[in-house]
Amino acid sequence: MHDEFSAVEYAQYLRERWKFVAIAITVAGLLSAAASLLLPKRYTATSVLLIDAPAGNDPRSATAVSPVYLESLKTYEQFAASDTLFVRAAQKFHLVEPGGTAIDSLKRRVLKVVKPRDTRLLEISVTLTDPVKAQQVAQFLAEESAKLNQLLSRQTDDEFALEAQRQLDAAQGRLQTAERAWAEVQKKPIDSLYTETSGLVELRTRLQRDVAELRADQAESDRVGSLQKEIESLDKKIASNEARSAEQRSVAEPAESELRAARSVRDNALTRLNDLRASAGARGERLRMIDPGIVPQRPSAPNITVNVLAAIFIAGVGALVGVTFSFLFQQRVRPAPVRVAYR
């Protein structure tokens, strides 16, 4: 027994057993082809959705996308591959037979949802033995995904609009309260009281001027006393009017300020509600089907060429490995050549 490896002997050994390798490759290829022909043909149909970017009020925002944003759209893969949506499709197209494959196993085998890298496309592929049904299921899933997206978007818009409507109702109630308070203030107009007070002040000024002129004449002393009393009466009335005016202003100014504030809050709430209604459906992404797909004409599985080539490769490698181990084994058990010593 010896451990020396001879490449020449190995090549000779392979050449002597080439028929074994050829037979293994041929048999593997034929068996793979036969098995592929016996397997049921499966067809893959693909529908394509476009993920529209939020438009908002700026049309340029639809194209202002970044790689990070595009990568974030992969979440829509789970959106289109939801279990609920697939169960509906399975029930509609009778994909599950009674006592057949579990729905989750069927989904993994039948459905594939992919968003190609750096695109806004969503591809929904369905693989079935019936090409027509495969196309119908793929189109159904794409259409229902778009409808579900629109429904969720409307629900979000409705929630925002409902909250804005609540704020508007509250602002409208505040404005009505402020208007009623201001109407009560208007029942006691400050302007008329101010006009009356101004007239009294002017009258007092004239009387004071008359008193000053009459004081020079001793004969008019009685007249001066009468005017002085009238001036004192005017002073009291003026003071009373000024006090009433100050009291009314202390009520009117806060009421007027509250009225202006309530109108501003109501206007802002109304503007926000109108903006929300105008931008409904434009804040989030929107799924839009751009290709329902066609009925596939060629089966996607089994791929006879790929299967045969794979079988030939595996059989060839296996046969070579087997021949190599056989050669090594024979080489190890073969007696070492006897060396004769010459004298």
Protein backbone atom coordinates (compact mmCIF):
# COMPACT_ATOMS: atom_id res chain seq x y z
CA MET A 1 0.00 0.00 0.00
CA HIS A 2 1.28 3.46 -0.88
CA ASP A 3 -0.03 7.04 -0.61
CA GLU A 4 1.58 8.60 -3.68
CA PHE A 5 -0.96 10.19 -6.08
CA SER A 6 -0.25 9.82 -9.76
CA ALA A 7 -2.04 12.26 -12.06
CA VAL A 8 -1.22 10.06 -15.04
CA GLU A 9 -2.77 7.02 -13.42
CA TYR A 10 -5.81 9.07 -12.38
CA ALA A 11 -6.31 10.31 -15.95
CA GLN A 12 -5.98 6.76 -17.24
CA TYR A 13 -8.48 5.60 -14.61
CA LEU A 14 -10.99 8.29 -15.69
CA ARG A 15 -10.54 7.39 -19.35
CA GLU A 16 -11.28 3.77 -18.62
CA ARG A 17 -14.50 4.70 -16.81
CA TRP A 18 -15.82 7.49 -19.04
CA LYS A 19 -18.80 5.37 -19.92
CA PHE A 20 -19.88 5.36 -16.27
CA VAL A 21 -19.79 9.16 -16.14
CA ALA A 22 -21.59 9.44 -19.47
CA ILE A 23 -24.28 6.98 -18.41
CA ALA A 24 -24.81 8.83 -15.10
CA ILE A 25 -25.18 12.17 -16.91
CA THR A 26 -27.49 10.71 -19.55
CA VAL A 27 -29.71 8.95 -17.05
CA ALA A 28 -29.93 12.05 -14.84
CA GLY A 29 -30.83 14.22 -17.81
CA LEU A 30 -33.49 11.83 -19.04
CA LEU A 31 -34.99 11.36 -15.59
CA SER A 32 -35.03 15.12 -15.00
CA ALA A 33 -36.69 15.75 -18.36
CA ALA A 34 -39.26 13.03 -17.74
CA ALA A 35 -40.01 14.30 -14.24
CA SER A 36 -40.33 17.87 -15.55
CA LEU A 37 -42.75 16.74 -18.24
CA LEU A 38 -44.84 14.82 -15.72
CA LEU A 39 -45.04 17.74 -13.27
CA PRO A 40 -48.10 19.98 -13.70
CA LYS A 41 -47.36 23.15 -15.61
CA ARG A 42 -47.61 26.35 -13.62
CA TYR A 43 -48.21 29.81 -15.10
CA THR A 44 -47.25 33.15 -13.62
CA ALA A 45 -49.27 36.31 -14.30
CA THR A 46 -48.12 39.75 -13.09
CA SER A 47 -50.10 42.94 -12.51
CA VAL A 48 -48.27 46.22 -11.91
CA LEU A 49 -49.28 49.10 -9.65
CA LEU A 50 -47.77 52.58 -9.62
CA ILE A 51 -47.24 54.22 -6.24
CA ASP A 52 -48.06 57.86 -6.89
CA ALA A 53 -46.13 60.24 -4.64
CA PRO A 54 -48.15 62.69 -2.52
CA ALA A 55 -49.06 65.59 -4.79
CA GLY A 56 -50.27 68.13 -2.23
CA ASN A 57 -50.60 71.63 -3.59
CA ASP A 58 -47.21 71.66 -5.31
CA PRO A 59 -47.08 69.67 -8.58
CA ARG A 60 -43.29 69.52 -8.30
CA SER A 61 -43.53 67.37 -5.17
CA ALA A 62 -44.65 64.41 -7.29
CA THR A 63 -41.16 64.18 -8.78
CA ALA A 64 -39.17 65.27 -5.72
CA VAL A 65 -38.34 61.76 -4.55
CA SER A 66 -35.15 60.46 -2.98
CA PRO A 67 -33.62 56.97 -2.70
CA VAL A 68 -34.59 56.91 0.98
CA TYR A 69 -38.20 57.71 0.08
CA LEU A 70 -38.23 55.05 -2.65
CA GLU A 71 -36.84 52.50 -0.20
CA SER A 72 -39.57 53.37 2.30
CA LEU A 73 -42.18 52.35 -0.28
CA LYS A 74 -41.24 48.70 0.29
CA THR A 75 -43.82 48.75 3.06
CA TYR A 76 -46.44 48.55 0.30
CA GLU A 77 -45.26 45.00 -0.37
CA GLN A 78 -46.88 43.97 2.91
CA PHE A 79 -49.88 46.14 2.05
CA ALA A 80 -50.59 44.21 -1.16
CA ALA A 81 -49.66 40.84 0.38
CA SER A 82 -52.00 41.11 3.34
CA ASP A 83 -53.54 37.87 4.55
CA THR A 84 -57.04 39.35 4.53
CA LEU A 85 -56.78 40.36 0.89
CA PHE A 86 -55.40 36.98 -0.17
CA VAL A 87 -58.15 35.10 1.72
CA ARG A 88 -60.74 37.12 -0.19
CA ALA A 89 -59.05 36.22 -3.46
CA ALA A 90 -58.84 32.55 -2.47
CA GLN A 91 -62.53 32.48 -1.64
CA LYS A 92 -63.55 34.33 -4.79
CA PHE A 93 -61.55 32.12 -7.17
CA HIS A 94 -61.84 28.87 -5.17
CA LEU A 95 -58.10 28.43 -4.73
CA VAL A 96 -58.46 26.27 -1.62
CA GLU A 97 -60.18 22.91 -1.83
CA PRO A 98 -61.86 21.46 1.28
CA GLY A 99 -59.21 19.67 3.29
CA GLY A 100 -56.50 21.01 0.98
CA THR A 101 -53.41 23.12 1.54
CA ALA A 102 -53.46 25.60 4.42
CA ILE A 103 -54.06 29.18 3.31
CA ASP A 104 -50.68 30.44 4.55
CA SER A 105 -48.79 27.68 2.70
CA LEU A 106 -50.82 28.35 -0.43
CA LYS A 107 -50.07 32.04 -0.19
CA ARG A 108 -46.31 31.47 0.07
CA ARG A 109 -46.42 29.18 -2.98
CA VAL A 110 -48.81 31.20 -5.13
CA LEU A 111 -48.27 34.91 -4.36
CA LYS A 112 -45.20 37.09 -4.76
CA VAL A 113 -45.23 40.87 -4.24
CA VAL A 114 -42.10 42.83 -5.12
CA LYS A 115 -41.22 46.52 -5.37
CA PRO A 116 -38.24 46.75 -7.76
CA ARG A 117 -35.37 48.76 -6.34
CA ASP A 118 -35.34 52.54 -6.99
CA THR A 119 -38.79 52.48 -8.60
CA ARG A 120 -42.34 53.40 -7.58
CA LEU A 121 -43.71 50.19 -9.09
CA LEU A 122 -45.35 47.34 -7.21
CA GLU A 123 -45.45 43.98 -9.00
CA ILE A 124 -48.02 41.39 -7.90
CA SER A 125 -47.29 37.94 -9.35
CA VAL A 126 -49.59 34.92 -9.03
CA THR A 127 -48.55 31.40 -10.06
CA LEU A 128 -51.25 28.78 -10.73
CA THR A 129 -51.84 25.78 -12.97
CA ASP A 130 -54.62 27.70 -14.76
CA PRO A 131 -53.13 30.67 -16.72
CA VAL A 132 -56.49 32.45 -17.02
CA LYS A 133 -57.18 32.19 -13.30
CA ALA A 134 -53.62 33.31 -12.51
CA GLN A 135 -54.18 36.53 -14.47
CA GLN A 136 -57.60 37.08 -12.88
CA VAL A 137 -56.25 36.63 -9.35
CA ALA A 138 -53.29 38.96 -9.99
CA GLN A 139 -55.59 41.64 -11.41
CA PHE A 140 -58.06 41.21 -8.54
CA LEU A 141 -55.31 41.62 -5.94
CA ALA A 142 -54.00 44.73 -7.72
CA GLU A 143 -57.45 46.31 -7.99
CA GLU A 144 -58.36 45.52 -4.39
CA SER A 145 -55.01 46.85 -3.17
CA ALA A 146 -55.69 50.15 -4.94
CA LYS A 147 -59.24 50.29 -3.53
CA LEU A 148 -58.02 49.50 -0.01
CA ASN A 149 -55.40 52.23 -0.29
CA GLN A 150 -58.03 54.75 -1.38
CA LEU A 151 -60.36 53.65 1.42
CA LEU A 152 -57.68 54.11 4.07
CA SER A 153 -56.76 57.47 2.57
CA ARG A 154 -60.39 58.60 2.69
CA GLN A 155 -60.70 57.43 6.29
CA THR A 156 -57.63 59.47 7.21
CA ASP A 157 -59.00 62.51 5.38
CA ASP A 158 -62.38 62.08 7.08
CA GLU A 159 -60.73 61.92 10.51
CA PHE A 160 -58.81 65.14 9.84
CA ALA A 161 -61.93 66.82 8.44
CA LEU A 162 -64.03 65.67 11.41
CA GLU A 163 -61.54 67.12 13.87
CA ALA A 164 -61.40 70.37 11.88
CA GLN A 165 -65.23 70.49 11.86
CA ARG A 166 -65.26 70.07 15.65
CA GLN A 167 -62.85 72.96 15.99
CA LEU A 168 -64.99 75.07 13.64
CA ASP A 169 -68.15 74.28 15.62
CA ALA A 170 -66.40 75.26 18.85
CA ALA A 171 -65.14 78.48 17.26
CA GLN A 172 -68.62 79.24 15.89
CA GLY A 173 -70.11 78.75 19.36
CA ARG A 174 -67.53 81.08 20.86
CA LEU A 175 -68.29 83.68 18.19
CA GLN A 176 -72.03 83.52 18.85
CA THR A 177 -71.42 84.01 22.56
CA ALA A 178 -69.17 87.00 21.84
CA GLU A 179 -71.74 88.50 19.47
CA ARG A 180 -74.47 88.23 22.09
CA ALA A 181 -72.24 89.89 24.67
CA TRP A 182 -71.42 92.67 22.23
CA ALA A 183 -75.12 93.16 21.44
CA GLU A 184 -75.79 93.65 25.16
CA VAL A 185 -73.05 96.28 25.28
CA GLN A 186 -74.54 98.07 22.27
CA LYS A 187 -77.81 98.52 24.12
CA LYS A 188 -75.99 101.08 26.28
CA PRO A 189 -74.11 103.11 23.70
CA ILE A 190 -71.04 104.87 24.99
CA ASP A 191 -71.08 107.39 22.13
CA SER A 192 -74.38 109.01 23.20
CA LEU A 193 -73.13 109.30 26.78
CA TYR A 194 -69.90 110.81 25.52
CA THR A 195 -71.84 113.29 23.36
CA GLU A 196 -74.00 114.27 26.32
CA THR A 197 -70.95 114.75 28.53
CA SER A 198 -69.22 116.85 25.88
CA GLY A 199 -72.29 119.14 25.69
CA LEU A 200 -72.33 119.53 29.46
CA VAL A 201 -68.64 120.41 29.51
CA GLU A 202 -69.17 123.00 26.80
CA LEU A 203 -72.15 124.47 28.70
CA ARG A 204 -70.11 124.66 31.90
CA THR A 205 -67.34 126.48 30.06
CA ARG A 206 -69.78 129.14 28.82
CA LEU A 207 -71.27 129.55 32.28
CA GLN A 208 -67.83 129.96 33.82
CA ARG A 209 -67.03 132.63 31.24
CA ASP A 210 -70.33 134.44 32.06
CA VAL A 211 -69.56 134.28 35.81
CA ALA A 212 -66.16 135.82 35.19
CA GLU A 213 -67.74 138.71 33.28
CA LEU A 214 -70.53 139.34 35.83
CA ARG A 215 -68.25 139.41 38.86
CA ALA A 216 -66.99 142.84 37.81
CA ASP A 217 -70.51 144.26 38.26
CA GLN A 218 -71.67 144.39 41.93
CA ALA A 219 -75.29 144.62 40.85
CA GLU A 220 -75.12 141.17 39.27
CA SER A 221 -74.00 139.34 42.42
CA ASP A 222 -77.28 137.40 42.65
CA ARG A 223 -76.93 136.37 39.04
CA VAL A 224 -73.38 135.16 39.68
CA GLY A 225 -74.53 133.00 42.63
CA SER A 226 -77.24 131.41 40.49
CA LEU A 227 -74.78 130.63 37.72
CA GLN A 228 -72.28 129.24 40.23
CA LYS A 229 -74.87 126.82 41.55
CA GLU A 230 -75.73 125.78 38.00
CA ILE A 231 -72.02 125.17 37.33
CA GLU A 232 -71.77 123.00 40.45
CA SER A 233 -74.79 120.99 39.24
CA LEU A 234 -73.13 120.53 35.85
CA ASP A 235 -69.92 119.36 37.53
CA LYS A 236 -71.81 116.67 39.39
CA LYS A 237 -73.58 115.52 36.23
CA ILE A 238 -70.33 115.51 34.25
CA ALA A 239 -68.61 113.48 36.97
CA SER A 240 -71.52 111.03 37.00
CA ASN A 241 -71.42 110.66 33.21
CA GLU A 242 -67.68 110.13 33.24
CA ALA A 243 -68.03 107.41 35.88
CA ARG A 244 -70.77 105.70 33.87
CA SER A 245 -68.69 106.03 30.71
CA ALA A 246 -65.66 104.46 32.40
CA GLU A 247 -67.82 101.59 33.66
CA GLN A 248 -69.27 100.96 30.21
CA ARG A 249 -65.82 101.06 28.62
CA SER A 250 -64.56 98.49 31.12
CA VAL A 251 -67.29 96.16 29.85
CA ALA A 252 -67.26 97.11 26.16
CA GLU A 253 -63.51 96.86 25.52
CA PRO A 254 -63.14 93.22 26.66
CA ALA A 255 -66.33 92.32 24.80
CA GLU A 256 -65.06 93.93 21.61
CA SER A 257 -61.65 92.26 22.02
CA GLU A 258 -63.30 88.86 22.54
CA LEU A 259 -65.47 89.42 19.48
CA ARG A 260 -62.43 90.13 17.29
CA ALA A 261 -60.58 87.11 18.70
CA ALA A 262 -63.60 84.83 18.20
CA ARG A 263 -63.96 85.97 14.59
CA SER A 264 -60.27 85.33 13.96
CA VAL A 265 -60.44 81.82 15.46
CA ARG A 266 -63.60 81.04 13.46
CA ASP A 267 -62.01 82.26 10.22
CA ASN A 268 -58.85 80.22 10.82
CA ALA A 269 -60.88 77.09 11.59
CA LEU A 270 -62.99 77.58 8.47
CA THR A 271 -59.88 78.07 6.34
CA ARG A 272 -58.28 74.90 7.73
CA LEU A 273 -61.41 72.87 7.06
CA ASN A 274 -61.62 74.15 3.49
CA ASP A 275 -57.93 73.38 2.95
CA LEU A 276 -58.38 69.85 4.26
CA ARG A 277 -61.36 69.28 1.98
CA ALA A 278 -59.52 70.72 -1.01
CA SER A 279 -56.43 68.55 -0.40
CA ALA A 280 -58.36 65.35 0.33
CA GLY A 281 -56.57 62.38 -1.20
CA ALA A 282 -53.43 64.37 -1.98
CA ARG A 283 -51.44 63.95 1.24
CA GLY A 284 -50.52 60.27 1.05
CA GLU A 285 -49.33 57.89 -1.65
CA ARG A 286 -51.96 56.53 -4.00
CA LEU A 287 -51.85 53.12 -5.65
CA ARG A 288 -52.86 53.11 -9.31
CA MET A 289 -52.93 50.03 -11.52
CA ILE A 290 -51.06 50.65 -14.76
CA ASP A 291 -50.88 47.08 -16.09
CA PRO A 292 -53.45 44.36 -15.26
CA GLY A 293 -51.21 41.79 -16.93
CA ILE A 294 -51.95 39.28 -19.66
CA VAL A 295 -52.83 35.61 -19.65
CA PRO A 296 -49.44 33.86 -19.73
CA GLN A 297 -48.85 31.70 -22.81
CA ARG A 298 -45.79 29.82 -21.59
CA PRO A 299 -45.46 28.02 -18.28
CA SER A 300 -43.08 29.49 -15.75
CA ALA A 301 -42.57 26.09 -14.11
CA PRO A 302 -41.27 23.52 -14.48
CA ASN A 303 -38.36 24.91 -16.48
CA ILE A 304 -37.23 21.80 -18.35
CA THR A 305 -33.98 23.32 -19.61
CA VAL A 306 -32.87 24.52 -16.20
CA ASN A 307 -33.91 21.27 -14.52
CA VAL A 308 -32.06 19.09 -17.10
CA LEU A 309 -28.91 21.21 -16.93
CA ALA A 310 -28.97 21.13 -13.13
CA ALA A 311 -29.45 17.37 -13.12
CA ILE A 312 -26.61 16.87 -15.64
CA PHE A 313 -24.30 19.08 -13.57
CA ILE A 314 -25.12 17.32 -10.30
CA ALA A 315 -24.82 13.84 -11.92
CA GLY A 316 -21.53 14.75 -13.57
CA VAL A 317 -20.04 16.09 -10.36
CA GLY A 318 -21.35 13.10 -8.41
CA ALA A 319 -19.96 10.61 -10.94
CA LEU A 320 -16.55 12.31 -10.90
CA VAL A 321 -16.49 12.30 -7.12
CA GLY A 322 -17.42 8.62 -7.10
CA VAL A 323 -14.73 7.72 -9.64
CA THR A 324 -12.18 9.77 -7.72
CA PHE A 325 -12.94 8.01 -4.41
CA SER A 326 -12.81 4.65 -6.18
CA PHE A 327 -9.40 5.48 -7.64
CA LEU A 328 -8.04 6.62 -4.28
CA PHE A 329 -9.36 3.52 -2.56
CA GLN A 330 -7.80 1.18 -5.10
CA GLN A 331 -4.55 3.09 -4.91
CA ARG A 332 -4.44 2.71 -1.13
CA VAL A 333 -5.17 -1.01 -1.08
CA ARG A 334 -2.91 -1.87 -4.00
CA PRO A 335 0.36 -3.52 -2.84
CA ALA A 336 3.41 -1.34 -3.18
CA PRO A 337 5.86 -2.46 -5.89
CA VAL A 338 8.74 -4.70 -4.65
CA ARG A 339 12.15 -3.15 -5.01
CA VAL A 340 15.07 -5.55 -5.64
CA ALA A 341 18.44 -4.64 -4.31
CA TYR A 342 21.38 -5.43 -6.64
CA ARG A 343 24.82 -6.21 -5.39
